[in-house]
N, C-alpha and C. Protein backbone atom coordinates (compact mmCIF):
# COMPACT_ATOMS: atom_id res chain seq x y z
N MET A 1 19.37 -3.76 16.37
CA MET A 1 18.11 -3.60 16.11
C MET A 1 17.93 -4.73 15.02
N GLU A 2 17.42 -5.67 14.87
CA GLU A 2 16.94 -6.75 13.84
C GLU A 2 15.40 -6.76 13.15
N PHE A 3 14.86 -6.06 12.07
CA PHE A 3 13.62 -6.20 11.47
C PHE A 3 13.61 -7.44 10.46
N LEU A 4 12.69 -8.18 10.81
CA LEU A 4 12.64 -9.81 10.09
C LEU A 4 11.53 -9.13 8.89
N MET A 5 10.51 -8.48 8.88
CA MET A 5 9.75 -8.34 7.72
C MET A 5 8.89 -7.01 8.26
N SER A 6 8.35 -6.18 7.06
CA SER A 6 7.70 -5.05 7.01
C SER A 6 6.56 -5.11 6.16
N ARG A 7 6.02 -4.32 6.56
CA ARG A 7 4.52 -3.98 5.81
C ARG A 7 4.08 -2.91 6.38
N MET A 8 3.13 -2.33 4.73
CA MET A 8 2.46 -0.92 5.20
C MET A 8 0.95 -1.20 5.69
N ILE A 9 0.73 -0.45 6.29
CA ILE A 9 -0.98 -1.06 6.71
C ILE A 9 -1.63 0.44 6.20
N LEU A 10 -2.85 -0.12 5.67
CA LEU A 10 -4.12 0.99 5.38
C LEU A 10 -5.25 0.30 6.23
N HIS A 11 -6.06 1.35 6.47
CA HIS A 11 -7.25 1.11 7.02
C HIS A 11 -8.02 2.17 6.42
N PRO A 12 -8.38 1.73 4.98
CA PRO A 12 -9.33 2.08 3.95
C PRO A 12 -10.98 2.41 4.43
N ARG A 13 -11.44 3.36 4.38
CA ARG A 13 -12.83 4.03 4.23
C ARG A 13 -13.72 3.13 3.74
N ASP A 14 -13.36 2.36 2.70
CA ASP A 14 -14.63 1.13 2.12
C ASP A 14 -13.58 -0.03 1.89
N PRO A 15 -13.27 -0.66 3.01
CA PRO A 15 -12.20 -1.60 2.66
C PRO A 15 -12.63 -2.62 1.20
N GLU A 16 -14.01 -3.25 1.01
CA GLU A 16 -13.89 -4.22 0.03
C GLU A 16 -13.72 -3.25 -1.30
N ARG A 17 -13.90 -2.13 -1.82
CA ARG A 17 -13.66 -1.47 -2.62
C ARG A 17 -11.91 -1.21 -2.72
N SER A 18 -11.39 -1.25 -1.88
CA SER A 18 -9.55 -0.96 -1.56
C SER A 18 -9.05 -2.10 -1.85
N VAL A 19 -9.52 -3.45 -1.35
CA VAL A 19 -9.32 -4.86 -1.39
C VAL A 19 -9.34 -5.30 -3.07
N ALA A 20 -10.47 -5.17 -3.67
CA ALA A 20 -10.95 -4.87 -4.54
C ALA A 20 -9.64 -4.19 -5.91
N PHE A 21 -9.34 -2.97 -5.67
CA PHE A 21 -8.47 -2.04 -6.05
C PHE A 21 -7.65 -2.59 -6.43
N TYR A 22 -6.48 -3.07 -4.98
CA TYR A 22 -5.63 -3.49 -5.12
C TYR A 22 -5.20 -4.68 -5.50
N ARG A 23 -6.39 -6.09 -5.56
CA ARG A 23 -6.11 -7.24 -5.81
C ARG A 23 -6.49 -7.29 -7.61
N ASP A 24 -7.81 -6.50 -8.01
CA ASP A 24 -7.70 -6.71 -9.55
C ASP A 24 -7.46 -5.52 -10.53
N THR A 25 -7.87 -4.46 -9.75
CA THR A 25 -6.94 -3.55 -10.71
C THR A 25 -5.50 -3.36 -10.72
N LEU A 26 -4.84 -3.42 -9.46
CA LEU A 26 -3.56 -3.28 -9.57
C LEU A 26 -3.04 -4.84 -9.56
N GLY A 27 -3.75 -5.81 -9.32
CA GLY A 27 -3.24 -7.34 -9.97
C GLY A 27 -2.17 -7.95 -8.73
N LEU A 28 -2.30 -7.20 -7.52
CA LEU A 28 -1.19 -7.86 -6.49
C LEU A 28 -1.77 -9.30 -5.98
N ALA A 29 -0.55 -9.58 -5.85
CA ALA A 29 -1.10 -11.20 -5.26
C ALA A 29 -1.27 -11.36 -3.84
N ILE A 30 -2.21 -12.10 -3.29
CA ILE A 30 -2.44 -12.46 -1.56
C ILE A 30 -1.41 -13.24 -1.36
N TYR A 31 -1.22 -12.49 -0.01
CA TYR A 31 -0.14 -12.98 0.91
C TYR A 31 -0.99 -14.04 2.31
N ARG A 32 -1.92 -13.23 2.05
CA ARG A 32 -2.65 -14.08 3.25
C ARG A 32 -4.21 -12.94 3.62
N GLU A 33 -5.17 -14.04 3.91
CA GLU A 33 -6.47 -13.20 4.33
C GLU A 33 -6.74 -13.72 5.67
N PHE A 34 -7.33 -12.81 6.19
CA PHE A 34 -7.81 -12.89 7.87
C PHE A 34 -8.83 -12.18 7.76
N PRO A 35 -9.96 -12.53 9.20
CA PRO A 35 -11.17 -11.87 9.41
C PRO A 35 -10.65 -10.15 9.82
N GLY A 36 -11.31 -9.62 8.31
CA GLY A 36 -10.99 -8.26 8.46
C GLY A 36 -10.04 -7.43 7.55
N GLY A 37 -9.29 -8.68 7.09
CA GLY A 37 -8.05 -7.98 6.51
C GLY A 37 -7.68 -8.87 5.45
N THR A 38 -6.71 -8.33 4.14
CA THR A 38 -6.18 -9.03 3.26
C THR A 38 -4.76 -8.60 3.16
N VAL A 39 -3.82 -9.30 3.07
CA VAL A 39 -2.34 -8.80 2.93
C VAL A 39 -1.80 -9.12 1.43
N PHE A 40 -1.17 -8.09 1.05
CA PHE A 40 -0.98 -8.23 -0.32
C PHE A 40 0.67 -8.03 -0.59
N PHE A 41 1.05 -9.16 -1.55
CA PHE A 41 2.37 -9.33 -1.75
C PHE A 41 3.15 -7.44 -2.59
N LEU A 42 3.86 -7.11 -2.23
CA LEU A 42 3.91 -5.67 -2.35
C LEU A 42 5.73 -5.92 -2.60
N GLY A 43 6.29 -6.39 -3.87
CA GLY A 43 7.63 -6.78 -4.46
C GLY A 43 8.32 -6.93 -3.26
N ASN A 44 9.21 -6.44 -2.60
CA ASN A 44 9.97 -6.63 -1.44
C ASN A 44 9.10 -6.78 -0.05
N GLY A 45 8.34 -5.68 -0.10
CA GLY A 45 7.65 -5.93 1.18
C GLY A 45 6.00 -6.58 1.17
N LEU A 46 4.97 -6.16 2.11
CA LEU A 46 3.53 -6.14 2.05
C LEU A 46 2.73 -5.08 2.30
N LEU A 47 1.38 -5.17 1.95
CA LEU A 47 0.62 -4.16 1.87
C LEU A 47 -0.97 -5.22 2.33
N GLU A 48 -0.96 -4.43 3.48
CA GLU A 48 -2.39 -4.87 4.12
C GLU A 48 -2.95 -3.83 4.77
N VAL A 49 -4.25 -4.25 3.87
CA VAL A 49 -5.58 -3.81 3.85
C VAL A 49 -6.32 -4.44 5.21
N SER A 50 -6.67 -3.89 6.19
CA SER A 50 -7.73 -3.80 7.01
C SER A 50 -8.32 -2.99 7.97
N GLY A 51 -9.10 -3.78 8.45
CA GLY A 51 -10.31 -2.42 9.52
C GLY A 51 -10.82 -1.06 8.51
N ARG A 52 -11.19 -0.01 8.90
CA ARG A 52 -11.37 0.70 8.49
C ARG A 52 -11.44 2.15 9.30
N GLY A 53 -11.31 2.77 7.96
CA GLY A 53 -10.26 4.19 8.27
C GLY A 53 -11.71 5.46 8.33
N GLU A 54 -11.34 6.30 8.58
CA GLU A 54 -12.66 7.55 8.83
C GLU A 54 -12.12 8.67 7.97
N THR A 55 -10.67 8.85 7.81
CA THR A 55 -10.22 10.48 7.18
C THR A 55 -9.22 10.10 5.50
N GLY A 56 -8.58 8.53 5.62
CA GLY A 56 -8.58 8.38 4.52
C GLY A 56 -6.92 9.23 4.79
N PRO A 57 -6.07 8.71 3.80
CA PRO A 57 -4.60 9.07 3.84
C PRO A 57 -3.97 10.33 3.84
N GLY A 58 -2.92 10.63 4.63
CA GLY A 58 -2.36 12.26 4.47
C GLY A 58 -1.42 12.31 3.24
N PRO A 59 -1.39 13.60 3.05
CA PRO A 59 -0.80 14.12 1.85
C PRO A 59 0.66 13.69 1.86
N ASP A 60 1.33 13.20 3.03
CA ASP A 60 2.84 13.26 2.83
C ASP A 60 3.18 11.41 2.80
N VAL A 61 2.10 10.70 2.74
CA VAL A 61 2.37 9.33 2.38
C VAL A 61 1.96 8.98 1.21
N VAL A 62 3.28 8.31 0.27
CA VAL A 62 3.45 7.81 -1.24
C VAL A 62 3.74 6.42 -1.22
N LEU A 63 2.94 5.81 -1.51
CA LEU A 63 3.25 4.16 -2.10
C LEU A 63 4.22 4.14 -3.23
N TRP A 64 5.35 3.56 -3.40
CA TRP A 64 6.19 3.53 -4.08
C TRP A 64 5.97 2.27 -4.75
N LEU A 65 6.11 1.96 -6.40
CA LEU A 65 5.27 0.46 -6.80
C LEU A 65 6.77 0.67 -8.20
N GLN A 66 7.90 -0.34 -8.65
CA GLN A 66 8.35 -0.21 -9.67
C GLN A 66 7.61 -1.73 -10.14
N VAL A 67 7.71 -0.95 -11.47
CA VAL A 67 7.44 -2.31 -12.81
C VAL A 67 8.49 -2.40 -13.76
N ARG A 68 8.05 -3.68 -14.16
CA ARG A 68 9.26 -3.69 -15.60
C ARG A 68 9.02 -2.80 -16.86
N ASP A 69 7.84 -2.83 -17.19
CA ASP A 69 7.40 -1.59 -18.54
C ASP A 69 6.12 -0.62 -18.07
N ILE A 70 6.52 0.39 -17.89
CA ILE A 70 5.66 1.22 -17.56
C ILE A 70 4.65 1.84 -18.46
N ALA A 71 5.21 1.68 -19.36
CA ALA A 71 4.21 1.90 -20.85
C ALA A 71 2.79 1.25 -20.88
N ASP A 72 3.55 -0.54 -20.87
CA ASP A 72 2.70 -1.42 -20.82
C ASP A 72 1.40 -1.10 -19.80
N THR A 73 2.20 -1.11 -18.34
CA THR A 73 1.30 -0.63 -17.25
C THR A 73 0.43 0.65 -17.44
N ALA A 74 0.87 1.78 -17.60
CA ALA A 74 -0.45 2.77 -17.93
C ALA A 74 -1.09 2.20 -19.14
N ARG A 75 -0.88 1.46 -19.93
CA ARG A 75 -2.16 1.16 -21.01
C ARG A 75 -2.74 0.04 -20.36
N ARG A 76 -2.81 -0.96 -19.69
CA ARG A 76 -3.30 -1.63 -18.67
C ARG A 76 -4.43 -0.69 -17.60
N LEU A 77 -3.57 -0.04 -16.70
CA LEU A 77 -4.32 0.59 -16.36
C LEU A 77 -5.49 1.65 -16.64
N GLY A 78 -4.74 2.39 -17.74
CA GLY A 78 -5.90 2.91 -18.67
C GLY A 78 -6.94 1.67 -19.43
N ASP A 79 -6.67 1.09 -19.60
CA ASP A 79 -8.15 0.04 -20.05
C ASP A 79 -9.19 -0.40 -19.03
N LEU A 80 -8.48 -0.09 -17.81
CA LEU A 80 -9.40 -0.56 -16.71
C LEU A 80 -9.76 0.69 -16.05
N GLY A 81 -9.81 1.67 -16.70
CA GLY A 81 -10.40 2.89 -16.43
C GLY A 81 -9.93 3.76 -15.23
N VAL A 82 -8.71 3.14 -14.52
CA VAL A 82 -8.10 4.15 -13.59
C VAL A 82 -7.48 5.20 -14.05
N PRO A 83 -7.52 6.51 -13.16
CA PRO A 83 -7.52 7.69 -13.68
C PRO A 83 -5.93 8.06 -13.43
N VAL A 84 -5.32 8.52 -14.56
CA VAL A 84 -3.85 8.40 -14.16
C VAL A 84 -3.65 9.88 -14.06
N GLU A 85 -3.07 10.33 -12.88
CA GLU A 85 -2.50 11.98 -12.59
C GLU A 85 -1.74 12.26 -13.58
N ARG A 86 -0.56 11.73 -13.63
CA ARG A 86 0.47 11.72 -14.60
C ARG A 86 0.66 10.31 -15.38
N ALA A 87 1.10 11.01 -16.87
CA ALA A 87 1.35 10.07 -17.42
C ALA A 87 2.82 9.98 -17.19
N PRO A 88 3.31 8.78 -17.87
CA PRO A 88 4.65 8.57 -17.51
C PRO A 88 5.64 9.66 -17.85
N GLU A 89 6.61 9.81 -17.13
CA GLU A 89 7.71 10.87 -17.61
C GLU A 89 9.14 10.58 -16.82
N GLU A 90 9.99 11.09 -17.94
CA GLU A 90 11.35 10.43 -17.23
C GLU A 90 11.79 11.70 -16.28
N GLU A 91 12.07 11.65 -14.89
CA GLU A 91 12.93 13.06 -13.59
C GLU A 91 14.17 13.00 -14.26
N PRO A 92 14.47 14.33 -13.44
CA PRO A 92 16.08 14.41 -13.43
C PRO A 92 16.80 13.49 -13.11
N TRP A 93 16.22 12.70 -11.64
CA TRP A 93 16.89 11.74 -11.43
C TRP A 93 16.96 10.40 -12.11
N GLY A 94 16.43 10.15 -13.15
CA GLY A 94 16.68 9.28 -14.19
C GLY A 94 15.60 8.13 -14.16
N LEU A 95 14.89 8.42 -13.12
CA LEU A 95 13.54 7.11 -13.10
C LEU A 95 12.24 7.80 -13.96
N VAL A 96 11.70 6.59 -14.34
CA VAL A 96 10.22 7.27 -15.33
C VAL A 96 9.49 6.73 -14.45
N GLU A 97 8.26 8.31 -14.25
CA GLU A 97 7.57 8.09 -13.12
C GLU A 97 5.90 8.46 -13.84
N MET A 98 5.10 7.72 -12.92
CA MET A 98 3.55 7.99 -13.27
C MET A 98 3.06 8.03 -11.96
N TRP A 99 1.82 8.81 -11.99
CA TRP A 99 1.32 9.23 -10.62
C TRP A 99 -0.56 8.59 -10.56
N LEU A 100 -0.62 8.04 -9.56
CA LEU A 100 -2.40 7.67 -9.86
C LEU A 100 -2.81 7.53 -8.05
N ARG A 101 -3.83 7.26 -8.22
CA ARG A 101 -4.28 7.62 -6.60
C ARG A 101 -5.21 5.81 -6.17
N ASP A 102 -5.09 5.59 -5.05
CA ASP A 102 -5.98 4.65 -4.55
C ASP A 102 -7.41 4.94 -4.54
N PRO A 103 -8.39 4.37 -4.06
CA PRO A 103 -9.63 4.45 -4.07
C PRO A 103 -10.06 5.91 -3.25
N ASP A 104 -9.20 5.65 -1.63
CA ASP A 104 -9.32 6.71 -1.10
C ASP A 104 -8.19 8.02 -1.21
N GLY A 105 -7.70 7.93 -2.01
CA GLY A 105 -6.80 9.31 -2.18
C GLY A 105 -5.14 8.91 -1.92
N LEU A 106 -4.94 7.62 -1.79
CA LEU A 106 -3.74 7.94 -1.93
C LEU A 106 -2.64 7.62 -2.69
N ARG A 107 -1.41 8.43 -2.59
CA ARG A 107 -0.56 8.70 -3.78
C ARG A 107 -0.02 7.41 -4.11
N ILE A 108 0.17 6.94 -5.57
CA ILE A 108 1.29 6.23 -5.43
C ILE A 108 1.92 6.57 -6.88
N VAL A 109 3.07 6.40 -6.85
CA VAL A 109 4.04 6.63 -7.87
C VAL A 109 4.40 5.34 -8.88
N VAL A 110 4.35 5.04 -9.90
CA VAL A 110 4.59 4.02 -10.33
C VAL A 110 5.75 4.09 -10.94
N VAL A 111 6.81 3.22 -11.06
CA VAL A 111 8.35 3.77 -11.51
C VAL A 111 8.94 2.67 -12.28
N GLN A 112 9.60 2.86 -13.28
CA GLN A 112 10.44 2.10 -13.95
C GLN A 112 11.94 2.56 -14.19
N VAL A 113 12.78 1.48 -13.55
CA VAL A 113 13.95 1.97 -13.53
C VAL A 113 14.60 1.55 -14.85
N PRO A 114 15.28 2.85 -15.38
CA PRO A 114 15.71 2.60 -16.85
C PRO A 114 17.01 1.48 -16.84
N ASP A 115 17.65 0.76 -18.23
CA ASP A 115 18.74 -0.17 -17.73
C ASP A 115 19.89 0.56 -17.21
N ASP A 116 20.23 1.93 -18.26
CA ASP A 116 21.34 2.43 -17.84
C ASP A 116 21.43 3.12 -16.49
N HIS A 117 20.25 2.93 -15.49
CA HIS A 117 20.39 3.70 -14.27
C HIS A 117 21.38 3.27 -13.42
N PRO A 118 21.89 4.33 -12.44
CA PRO A 118 22.78 3.45 -11.51
C PRO A 118 21.88 2.80 -10.53
N ILE A 119 21.10 2.73 -10.63
CA ILE A 119 20.35 1.84 -9.03
C ILE A 119 20.72 0.14 -9.71
N ARG A 120 20.80 0.00 -11.07
CA ARG A 120 21.05 -1.53 -11.77
C ARG A 120 22.17 -1.65 -11.81
N ARG A 121 23.14 -0.64 -11.55
CA ARG A 121 24.41 -1.21 -11.21
C ARG A 121 24.87 -1.51 -10.26
N ASP A 122 26.04 -2.64 -10.12
CA ASP A 122 26.64 -3.40 -9.04
C ASP A 122 27.59 -2.38 -8.43
N GLN A 123 27.21 -2.11 -7.32
CA GLN A 123 27.99 -0.42 -6.32
C GLN A 123 29.17 -1.22 -5.88
N ARG A 124 29.57 -2.75 -5.81
CA ARG A 124 30.41 -3.42 -5.15
C ARG A 124 31.80 -2.97 -5.80
N GLN A 125 32.48 -3.06 -4.69
CA GLN A 125 34.09 -3.01 -4.89
C GLN A 125 34.37 -4.45 -5.66
N PRO A 126 35.13 -4.58 -6.88
CA PRO A 126 35.85 -5.93 -7.04
C PRO A 126 36.82 -6.14 -6.16
N SER A 127 36.89 -7.59 -5.75
CA SER A 127 38.03 -7.87 -4.82
C SER A 127 39.02 -8.17 -5.54
């Protein structure tokens, strides 16, 4: 199999409110718009907000967003009035994580990878 692109698709209860949250509050850049939907750049992936949902997200779905500076991101979100469920905290696995929710309750974890974390090390063997 060969997968060429990926995106997460959200069907929010209030599409206009959710588009405003991802565009204006989180500051995601728009990849494309079409009648009934907006697709945002999401780092190495895409997030599509389209259609209209009825029940909202389930508790087992989490959107993972990596940022360069989590303290700055937390301050900016606070200035915008976004409720943060859990302030930035270093996890036992070494990542610094902060938790919030989108307007429909989708759990979002905002992550900073510290400079000395193994994810940042080149794992290739020297030739």
